[in-house]
Protein backbone atom coordinates (compact mmCIF):
# COMPACT_ATOMS: atom_id res chain seq x y z
CA MET A 1 -35.57 43.57 48.30
CA THR A 2 -35.55 40.62 45.90
CA GLN A 3 -37.35 40.49 42.54
CA ARG A 4 -39.97 38.15 43.96
CA GLN A 5 -40.70 40.46 46.91
CA LYS A 6 -41.06 43.41 44.54
CA GLY A 7 -43.52 41.41 42.47
CA LEU A 8 -45.59 40.47 45.52
CA ALA A 9 -45.63 44.09 46.70
CA PHE A 10 -46.83 45.22 43.30
CA VAL A 11 -49.62 42.61 43.29
CA ASN A 12 -50.75 43.65 46.80
CA ALA A 13 -50.81 47.32 45.77
CA GLN A 14 -52.94 46.46 42.75
CA ALA A 15 -55.32 44.45 44.95
CA ASN A 16 -55.71 47.38 47.36
CA ASN A 17 -56.49 49.72 44.47
CA VAL A 18 -59.15 47.33 43.21
CA LYS A 19 -60.74 47.18 46.66
CA LYS A 20 -60.83 50.98 46.91
CA ILE A 21 -62.44 51.28 43.47
CA ALA A 22 -65.01 48.62 44.40
CA VAL A 23 -65.94 50.47 47.64
CA MET A 24 -66.23 53.77 45.77
CA ALA A 25 -68.40 52.17 43.07
CA SER A 26 -70.68 50.62 45.69
CA THR A 27 -71.07 53.99 47.45
CA VAL A 28 -71.89 55.84 44.24
CA ALA A 29 -74.34 53.13 43.20
CA PHE A 30 -76.06 53.36 46.58
CA GLU A 31 -76.45 57.13 46.26
CA PHE A 32 -77.85 56.74 42.75
CA ASN A 33 -80.35 54.18 44.00
CA LYS A 34 -81.54 56.62 46.66
CA ALA A 35 -81.94 59.38 44.09
CA THR A 36 -83.83 57.05 41.80
CA LEU A 37 -86.27 56.02 44.52
CA LYS A 38 -86.93 59.66 45.35
CA LEU A 39 -87.49 60.44 41.69
CA ARG A 40 -89.95 57.55 41.35
CA ARG A 41 -91.89 58.76 44.41
CA SER A 42 -92.09 62.32 43.14
CA LEU A 43 -93.29 61.25 39.70
CA HIS A 44 -95.74 58.61 40.92
CA ILE A 45 -99.34 59.94 40.81
CA SER A 46 -101.85 57.80 42.69
CA PRO A 47 -105.39 57.42 41.33
CA ARG A 48 -106.62 58.39 44.81
CA ASN A 49 -105.37 61.99 44.30
CA SER A 50 -107.00 62.32 40.91
CA PRO A 51 -109.71 64.97 40.76
CA GLU A 52 -111.85 62.45 38.95
CA VAL A 53 -112.03 60.25 42.06
CA GLN A 54 -114.28 61.21 44.94
CA ARG A 55 -114.13 59.84 48.44
CA LYS A 56 -117.15 59.11 50.44
CA SER A 57 -117.36 57.72 53.95
CA ASP A 58 -119.91 55.14 54.73
CA VAL A 59 -121.69 54.54 57.96
CA GLY A 60 -119.12 51.99 59.18
CA GLY A 61 -116.26 54.51 58.90
CA GLY A 62 -114.67 52.83 55.88
CA ASP A 63 -113.61 54.68 52.75
CA ILE A 64 -115.11 53.79 49.41
CA GLU A 65 -113.76 55.08 46.16
CA ILE A 66 -116.46 56.24 43.77
CA GLU A 67 -115.51 57.23 40.26
CA SER A 68 -117.12 60.22 38.69
CA PRO A 69 -119.37 59.50 35.75
CA GLY A 70 -117.00 61.04 33.21
CA SER A 71 -113.79 59.20 34.25
CA THR A 72 -112.37 55.88 33.02
CA GLN A 73 -109.83 53.44 34.46
CA SER A 74 -107.92 53.31 31.16
CA THR A 75 -106.78 56.93 31.51
CA SER A 76 -105.26 56.36 34.96
CA ARG A 77 -103.58 53.12 33.86
CA LYS A 78 -101.99 54.80 30.86
CA CYS A 79 -100.74 57.64 33.04
CA SER A 80 -99.28 55.23 35.60
CA LYS A 81 -97.62 53.14 32.85
CA ARG A 82 -96.11 56.27 31.28
CA ASN A 83 -94.72 57.37 34.65
CA ARG A 84 -93.17 53.97 35.30
CA GLN A 85 -91.54 53.96 31.85
CA LEU A 86 -90.10 57.44 32.49
CA CYS A 87 -88.67 56.32 35.85
CA ALA A 88 -87.07 53.31 34.22
CA GLU A 89 -85.50 55.43 31.48
CA LEU A 90 -84.17 57.98 33.96
CA SER A 91 -82.76 55.32 36.28
CA SER A 92 -81.09 53.52 33.36
CA PHE A 93 -79.67 56.79 32.09
CA ALA A 94 -78.24 57.53 35.55
CA LEU A 95 -76.75 54.13 36.33
CA TYR A 96 -75.38 52.93 32.96
CA PRO A 97 -72.61 55.54 32.67
CA LEU A 98 -71.16 54.27 35.95
CA PHE A 99 -71.50 50.51 35.47
CA GLY A 100 -70.81 50.75 31.75
CA ALA A 101 -67.47 52.45 32.41
CA LEU A 102 -66.49 49.77 34.91
CA SER A 103 -67.50 46.82 32.69
CA PRO A 104 -65.52 45.42 29.70
CA SER A 105 -68.53 45.88 27.43
CA HIS A 106 -69.18 49.56 28.18
CA PHE A 107 -69.19 50.44 24.51
CA SER A 108 -72.20 48.15 23.99
CA SER A 109 -74.17 49.38 27.02
CA PRO A 110 -77.68 50.45 26.00
CA ASN A 111 -78.92 53.98 26.55
CA LEU A 112 -82.66 53.76 26.98
CA LEU A 113 -83.13 57.51 26.82
CA PHE A 114 -81.54 58.17 23.45
CA GLN A 115 -81.65 54.73 21.79
CA SER A 116 -84.92 52.97 21.19
CA ASN A 117 -84.15 50.69 18.25
CA LYS A 118 -81.80 47.71 18.31
CA LYS A 119 -78.66 47.66 16.19
CA PRO A 120 -79.08 45.77 12.95
CA PRO A 121 -77.47 42.29 13.06
CA LYS A 122 -74.15 41.83 11.31
CA LYS A 123 -74.20 40.19 7.93
CA VAL A 124 -73.21 36.51 8.12
CA VAL A 125 -71.50 34.89 5.14
CA GLU A 126 -71.46 31.09 4.94
CA PHE A 127 -68.15 29.40 4.17
CA LEU A 128 -69.43 27.56 1.12
CA HIS A 129 -70.61 30.85 -0.39
CA LEU A 130 -67.02 32.06 -0.64
CA SER A 131 -65.14 31.93 -3.91
CA ASP A 132 -62.45 29.34 -4.60
CA THR A 133 -59.77 32.02 -4.30
CA ASP A 134 -60.93 33.06 -0.82
CA MET A 135 -61.13 29.42 0.27
CA TYR A 136 -57.59 28.77 -0.93
CA GLN A 137 -56.34 31.76 1.07
CA ILE A 138 -57.93 30.25 4.20
CA MET A 139 -56.50 26.80 3.41
CA CYS A 140 -52.97 28.22 3.41
CA PHE A 141 -53.26 28.80 7.18
CA LEU A 142 -54.28 25.19 7.98
CA ASN A 143 -51.95 22.32 8.83
CA PRO A 144 -52.03 19.04 6.84
CA ARG A 145 -54.30 17.26 9.34
CA SER A 146 -56.86 20.09 9.29
CA LEU A 147 -56.73 20.11 5.49
CA LEU A 148 -57.38 16.37 5.49
CA ASN A 149 -60.47 16.86 7.68
CA LEU A 150 -61.61 19.73 5.46
CA SER A 151 -61.35 17.60 2.32
CA GLN A 152 -63.64 14.96 3.83
CA THR A 153 -66.59 17.32 4.37
CA CYS A 154 -68.04 17.62 0.86
CA GLY A 155 -67.24 17.05 -2.79
CA ARG A 156 -66.49 20.69 -3.63
CA LEU A 157 -63.92 21.08 -0.85
CA ARG A 158 -62.33 17.75 -1.76
CA GLN A 159 -61.89 18.82 -5.39
CA LEU A 160 -60.50 22.18 -4.29
CA CYS A 161 -58.03 20.47 -1.97
CA LEU A 162 -56.92 18.05 -4.69
CA ALA A 163 -56.47 20.90 -7.19
CA ASN A 164 -54.07 22.74 -4.86
CA GLU A 165 -52.43 19.69 -3.33
CA GLU A 166 -49.00 20.19 -4.89
CA ASN A 167 -48.57 23.65 -3.34
CA ILE A 168 -49.15 22.52 0.26
CA GLU A 169 -46.92 20.43 2.51
CA LYS A 170 -47.87 16.76 2.88
CA ARG A 171 -48.22 14.76 6.09
CA ASP A 172 -46.90 11.19 6.44
CA VAL A 173 -49.60 8.60 7.14
CA THR A 174 -48.69 5.10 8.36
CA SER A 175 -51.98 3.93 9.88
CA HIS A 176 -53.34 1.99 6.86
CA GLU A 177 -52.25 -0.61 4.32
CA ILE A 178 -53.35 -1.31 0.76
CA VAL A 179 -54.73 -4.68 -0.37
CA ILE A 180 -55.35 -5.42 -4.06
CA SER A 181 -57.64 -8.40 -4.55
CA PHE A 182 -59.98 -9.97 -7.08
CA ASN A 183 -63.66 -9.79 -6.14
CA GLN A 184 -65.21 -13.13 -7.07
CA VAL A 185 -68.76 -11.75 -6.85
CA ARG A 186 -68.27 -8.68 -9.04
CA ARG A 187 -65.63 -10.41 -11.14
CA GLN A 188 -63.28 -7.42 -11.02
CA THR A 189 -60.12 -6.32 -9.26
CA GLU A 190 -60.55 -3.77 -6.49
CA VAL A 191 -58.32 -1.88 -4.08
CA ARG A 192 -59.06 -1.79 -0.37
CA LEU A 193 -57.62 0.55 2.24
CA LEU A 194 -57.50 -1.19 5.62
CA LYS A 195 -56.39 -0.06 9.03
CA ARG A 196 -53.21 -1.84 10.11
CA GLU A 197 -54.32 -2.84 13.62
CA ARG A 198 -57.94 -3.30 12.63
CA THR A 199 -60.99 -4.96 14.13
CA ARG A 200 -64.21 -6.16 12.55
CA SER A 201 -65.96 -2.88 13.26
CA ASP A 202 -63.30 -0.74 11.54
CA PRO A 203 -64.46 0.63 8.18
CA GLN A 204 -62.70 -0.28 4.93
CA PHE A 205 -62.53 1.93 1.86
CA THR A 206 -62.81 0.44 -1.63
CA CYS A 207 -61.96 1.92 -5.01
CA SER A 208 -61.00 0.82 -8.51
CA ASN A 209 -57.53 2.40 -8.28
CA ILE A 210 -54.93 3.31 -5.68
CA ARG A 211 -55.04 7.07 -6.28
CA GLY A 212 -58.70 7.29 -5.34
CA LEU A 213 -58.00 5.92 -1.84
CA LEU A 214 -55.12 8.20 -0.92
CA ALA A 215 -56.07 11.10 1.31
CA PRO A 216 -55.14 14.56 0.02
CA PHE A 217 -52.26 16.46 1.59
CA SER A 218 -50.76 13.17 2.78
CA ARG A 219 -47.98 10.79 1.84
CA ALA A 220 -48.88 7.15 2.45
CA LEU A 221 -46.06 5.05 3.91
CA THR A 222 -47.73 1.70 3.58
CA LYS A 223 -47.62 -2.00 2.85
CA ILE A 224 -49.07 -3.22 -0.45
CA THR A 225 -50.42 -6.77 -0.70
CA PHE A 226 -51.28 -8.44 -4.02
CA GLU A 227 -53.65 -11.34 -3.45
CA THR A 228 -54.36 -14.34 -5.65
CA THR A 229 -55.56 -13.93 -9.28
CA VAL A 230 -54.33 -10.31 -9.43
CA PHE A 231 -52.29 -9.31 -12.50
CA VAL A 232 -49.44 -7.34 -10.92
CA THR A 233 -48.36 -5.66 -14.16
CA ASP A 234 -51.63 -3.68 -14.26
CA TRP A 235 -50.57 -1.79 -11.13
CA LEU A 236 -46.84 -1.21 -11.53
CA ASP A 237 -47.15 2.01 -13.55
CA GLU A 238 -49.61 3.61 -11.11
CA ILE A 239 -47.38 2.74 -8.15
CA LEU A 240 -44.34 4.30 -9.84
CA ASP A 241 -46.30 7.44 -10.79
CA LEU A 242 -47.59 7.95 -7.24
CA HIS A 243 -44.08 7.35 -5.92
CA ARG A 244 -42.64 10.03 -8.21
CA GLU A 245 -45.37 12.44 -7.08
CA ASN A 246 -44.39 11.76 -3.45
CA ARG A 247 -47.90 10.49 -2.71
CA LEU A 248 -47.16 6.79 -2.12
CA ILE A 249 -44.13 5.27 -0.40
CA PRO A 250 -44.31 1.44 -0.45
CA LEU A 251 -42.52 -0.01 2.56
CA SER A 252 -43.42 -3.61 1.82
CA LEU A 253 -44.52 -5.56 -1.27
CA VAL A 254 -46.20 -8.90 -0.57
CA PHE A 255 -47.25 -11.20 -3.43
CA THR A 256 -49.34 -13.86 -1.76
CA GLY A 257 -51.69 -16.74 -2.59
CA GLY A 258 -49.13 -19.43 -3.34
CA ALA A 259 -50.08 -21.47 -0.31
CA LEU A 260 -53.35 -22.35 -2.10
CA THR A 261 -51.52 -24.40 -4.73
CA LYS A 262 -53.15 -27.81 -5.32
CA GLY A 263 -51.28 -30.24 -7.49
CA LYS A 264 -50.34 -28.63 -10.78
CA GLN A 265 -52.78 -25.73 -10.38
CA LEU A 266 -50.92 -22.45 -9.96
CA THR A 267 -52.42 -19.77 -7.72
CA GLY A 268 -51.35 -16.49 -6.20
CA ALA A 269 -50.54 -13.05 -7.53
CA ASP A 270 -49.65 -13.26 -11.21
CA LEU A 271 -46.07 -12.14 -11.99
CA ARG A 272 -45.63 -14.23 -15.11
CA SER A 273 -45.97 -11.34 -17.58
CA ILE A 274 -42.73 -9.64 -16.47
CA THR A 275 -39.14 -10.80 -16.39
CA GLU A 276 -36.74 -11.13 -13.53
CA ALA A 277 -34.75 -8.08 -14.71
CA GLU A 278 -37.90 -5.93 -14.93
CA PHE A 279 -38.93 -6.91 -11.43
CA ILE A 280 -35.51 -6.05 -9.97
CA ASP A 281 -35.59 -2.72 -11.81
CA PHE A 282 -39.04 -2.01 -10.34
CA VAL A 283 -37.75 -2.69 -6.81
CA SER A 284 -34.71 -0.46 -7.33
CA LYS A 285 -36.93 2.49 -8.35
CA LEU A 286 -38.72 2.33 -4.99
CA GLN A 287 -35.51 2.76 -3.02
CA PRO A 288 -34.45 3.80 -0.44
CA HIS A 289 -37.86 3.43 1.26
CA LEU A 290 -38.81 -0.10 0.23
CA GLN A 291 -37.73 -2.54 2.96
CA GLU A 292 -39.47 -5.85 2.31
CA VAL A 293 -40.35 -8.07 -0.66
CA GLN A 294 -42.16 -11.39 -0.15
CA LEU A 295 -42.64 -13.60 -3.23
CA SER A 296 -45.16 -15.98 -1.65
CA THR A 297 -46.86 -16.85 -4.94
CA SER A 298 -46.76 -19.77 -7.34
CA ARG A 299 -47.21 -17.60 -10.43
CA ILE A 300 -43.71 -16.16 -10.45
CA PHE A 301 -41.75 -14.85 -13.39
CA LYS A 302 -39.27 -17.09 -15.18
CA VAL A 303 -35.70 -16.80 -13.98
CA SER A 304 -33.81 -16.34 -17.23
CA SER A 305 -30.39 -15.35 -15.91
CA ASP A 306 -27.81 -17.86 -14.75
CA PRO A 307 -27.12 -17.54 -11.89
CA PRO A 308 -30.43 -15.97 -10.74
CA ARG A 309 -30.17 -12.28 -9.91
CA LEU A 310 -32.86 -12.27 -7.24
CA LEU A 311 -30.34 -12.55 -4.42
CA SER A 312 -28.77 -9.29 -5.56
CA MET A 313 -31.73 -7.48 -3.93
CA ILE A 314 -30.48 -8.36 -0.43
CA THR A 315 -28.33 -5.21 -0.48
CA MET A 316 -31.47 -3.07 -0.97
CA LEU A 317 -33.91 -4.79 1.39
CA SER A 318 -34.31 -5.66 5.06
CA SER A 319 -36.45 -8.73 4.39
CA PHE A 320 -36.66 -10.93 1.31
CA GLY A 321 -38.57 -14.16 0.88
CA ILE A 322 -39.16 -16.53 -2.00
CA VAL A 323 -41.43 -19.50 -1.18
CA TYR A 324 -44.22 -21.53 -2.82
CA GLU A 325 -42.88 -20.84 -6.34
CA ARG A 326 -43.70 -23.36 -9.06
CA PRO A 327 -41.47 -24.65 -10.50
CA PRO A 328 -39.22 -24.20 -7.46
CA ILE A 329 -36.14 -22.01 -7.82
CA HIS A 330 -33.03 -23.69 -6.48
CA PHE A 331 -30.03 -21.69 -5.38
CA TYR A 332 -26.64 -23.35 -5.18
CA HIS A 333 -23.56 -22.72 -3.12
CA GLN A 334 -21.92 -20.62 -5.80
CA ASP A 335 -24.98 -18.34 -6.11
CA ILE A 336 -25.21 -17.77 -2.37
CA SER A 337 -21.46 -17.23 -2.03
CA GLU A 338 -21.45 -14.51 -4.69
CA ALA A 339 -24.45 -12.75 -3.14
CA VAL A 340 -22.87 -12.88 0.34
CA THR A 341 -19.55 -11.51 -0.94
CA PHE A 342 -21.30 -8.60 -2.66
CA TRP A 343 -23.38 -7.86 0.46
CA ARG A 344 -20.35 -7.86 2.77
CA THR A 345 -18.42 -5.38 0.61
CA ASP A 346 -21.27 -2.93 0.00
CA SER A 347 -21.21 0.12 2.31
CA LEU A 348 -24.97 0.64 1.84
CA SER A 349 -25.96 -2.83 3.05
CA ARG A 350 -28.48 -3.14 5.86
CA ASN A 351 -29.69 -5.89 8.16
CA CYS A 352 -31.49 -8.44 6.03
CA ASP A 353 -33.47 -11.63 6.68
CA ILE A 354 -33.76 -14.07 3.77
CA PHE A 355 -36.43 -16.81 3.64
CA MET A 356 -35.75 -19.42 0.95
CA ARG A 357 -35.39 -23.10 0.19
CA ARG A 358 -32.43 -24.98 1.59
CA PRO A 359 -29.67 -25.43 -1.01
CA HIS A 360 -28.73 -29.05 -1.68
CA ASP A 361 -25.02 -28.76 -2.35
CA ILE A 362 -23.86 -26.85 0.71
CA SER A 363 -22.62 -28.35 3.97
CA VAL A 364 -21.85 -27.10 7.44
CA GLU A 365 -18.18 -26.67 6.51
CA ALA A 366 -19.12 -24.53 3.52
CA TRP A 367 -21.15 -22.23 5.75
CA GLN A 368 -18.24 -21.88 8.10
CA LYS A 369 -16.02 -20.83 5.21
CA LEU A 370 -18.45 -17.97 4.57
CA SER A 371 -17.78 -16.81 8.17
CA GLY A 372 -21.28 -17.79 9.17
CA SER A 373 -22.41 -18.89 12.61
CA ILE A 374 -25.01 -21.65 12.66
CA GLU A 375 -27.82 -20.90 15.11
CA GLU A 376 -30.39 -23.59 14.31
CA SER A 377 -29.93 -27.03 12.75
CA ARG A 378 -31.49 -30.47 12.77
CA ILE A 379 -30.55 -33.99 11.64
CA ASP A 380 -32.34 -35.55 8.70
CA PRO A 381 -33.83 -38.87 10.00
CA TYR A 382 -33.36 -40.54 6.61
CA THR A 383 -29.84 -39.49 5.65
CA GLU A 384 -28.58 -38.46 9.13
CA GLU A 385 -27.29 -35.29 7.51
CA VAL A 386 -27.06 -32.05 9.48
CA LEU A 387 -29.59 -29.63 8.00
CA VAL A 388 -28.96 -25.97 8.70
CA SER A 389 -32.18 -24.01 9.38
CA LYS A 390 -30.74 -20.62 10.35
CA ILE A 391 -27.33 -19.07 9.87
CA THR A 392 -26.03 -15.54 10.54
CA ILE A 393 -23.26 -13.83 8.61
CA LYS A 394 -21.52 -10.66 9.84
CA HIS A 395 -20.65 -7.71 7.62
CA SER A 396 -16.99 -7.07 6.85
CA PHE A 397 -16.67 -3.54 8.29
CA LEU A 398 -20.18 -2.38 9.31
CA VAL A 399 -20.89 -3.02 12.98
CA HIS A 400 -24.18 -4.68 14.02
CA ILE A 401 -25.12 -5.42 10.40
CA ASP A 402 -26.10 -9.08 9.91
CA LEU A 403 -27.31 -11.22 7.04
CA VAL A 404 -29.59 -14.01 8.31
CA PHE A 405 -30.67 -16.99 6.15
CA HIS A 406 -33.85 -18.86 7.13
CA PHE A 407 -34.12 -22.18 5.24
CA HIS A 408 -37.17 -24.39 4.90
């Protein structure tokens, strides 16, 4: 006999036993019902048999009940009610031991003969009445998502969650992005937390700093956008502090607003109070998570080094762009050649797309010497010169690692 057949035989035997027990229980219950009915009949005293009631036949042969002068209906009703209550108690006492033993809740089955009062209700303690120590013990059993939901219920639980945040594992959150902008109505800079794939009906959260928007027990892997008129230097220290605390992981830094430049008026995120070296050092401290830097602002820092060191960041990033800057930064063939050589020899290089102005002193032959393959080009209608718009350069020893220049 196989294991499956043995299992089926065991199940059938159990089913037969259950049927036998059910038949036996039904038989016993039936006998108890008969005994109960007999007991009710024997204890039932009709008002007709009471000595206080006299029968008298009328002329038509009918019977008329005439109460004696000293009797009352209340006495007979009380007696009948007391008899019915006794029958109910006896029947309950006889049947509950059987059905209580067969039911899962037999320990809670009432005994009407010996128990007249209900059990006192159990004492209920509300969660918010617990001490902070007891709450923390409960929080240790929750996962990061449950802790996040708990912290959003009230101010006390949020403060308790924030106070014990370092001792609990954090959950990565990638659903939102941070936008730092200048509110023209309130005349102050504010931070907004927006859903990445958002609609008009999606809520947005606003605060005066980045820390106040970050959910507890979470690590925000997010994009940070600095809009026009924002002084970037006011936020660099907070970003670095949150990054060291493992609370904020910037994946992309976008400095925008330069497209609004009109004539000599400079607009965009303000980077003029820091130097090129300080900016590169700031980007290096956010590695290896930072992937993109877009300098789409007109208020850019002054490039003091010669040649500019901005292209050295292509070994750390996957996307780098520098457009709309005023005055424009021009890169020459020698600058690009040195950056490409360093990128091709670095074992930590990654795929990188660079968006920049077209250099003026480099030709198609020069690109070919850099082992680059031209993918897009056009002819200048005025000079009939071939203008390269996109070129791809392969890494020296890393497979499927490309450096792509996009010129405008």
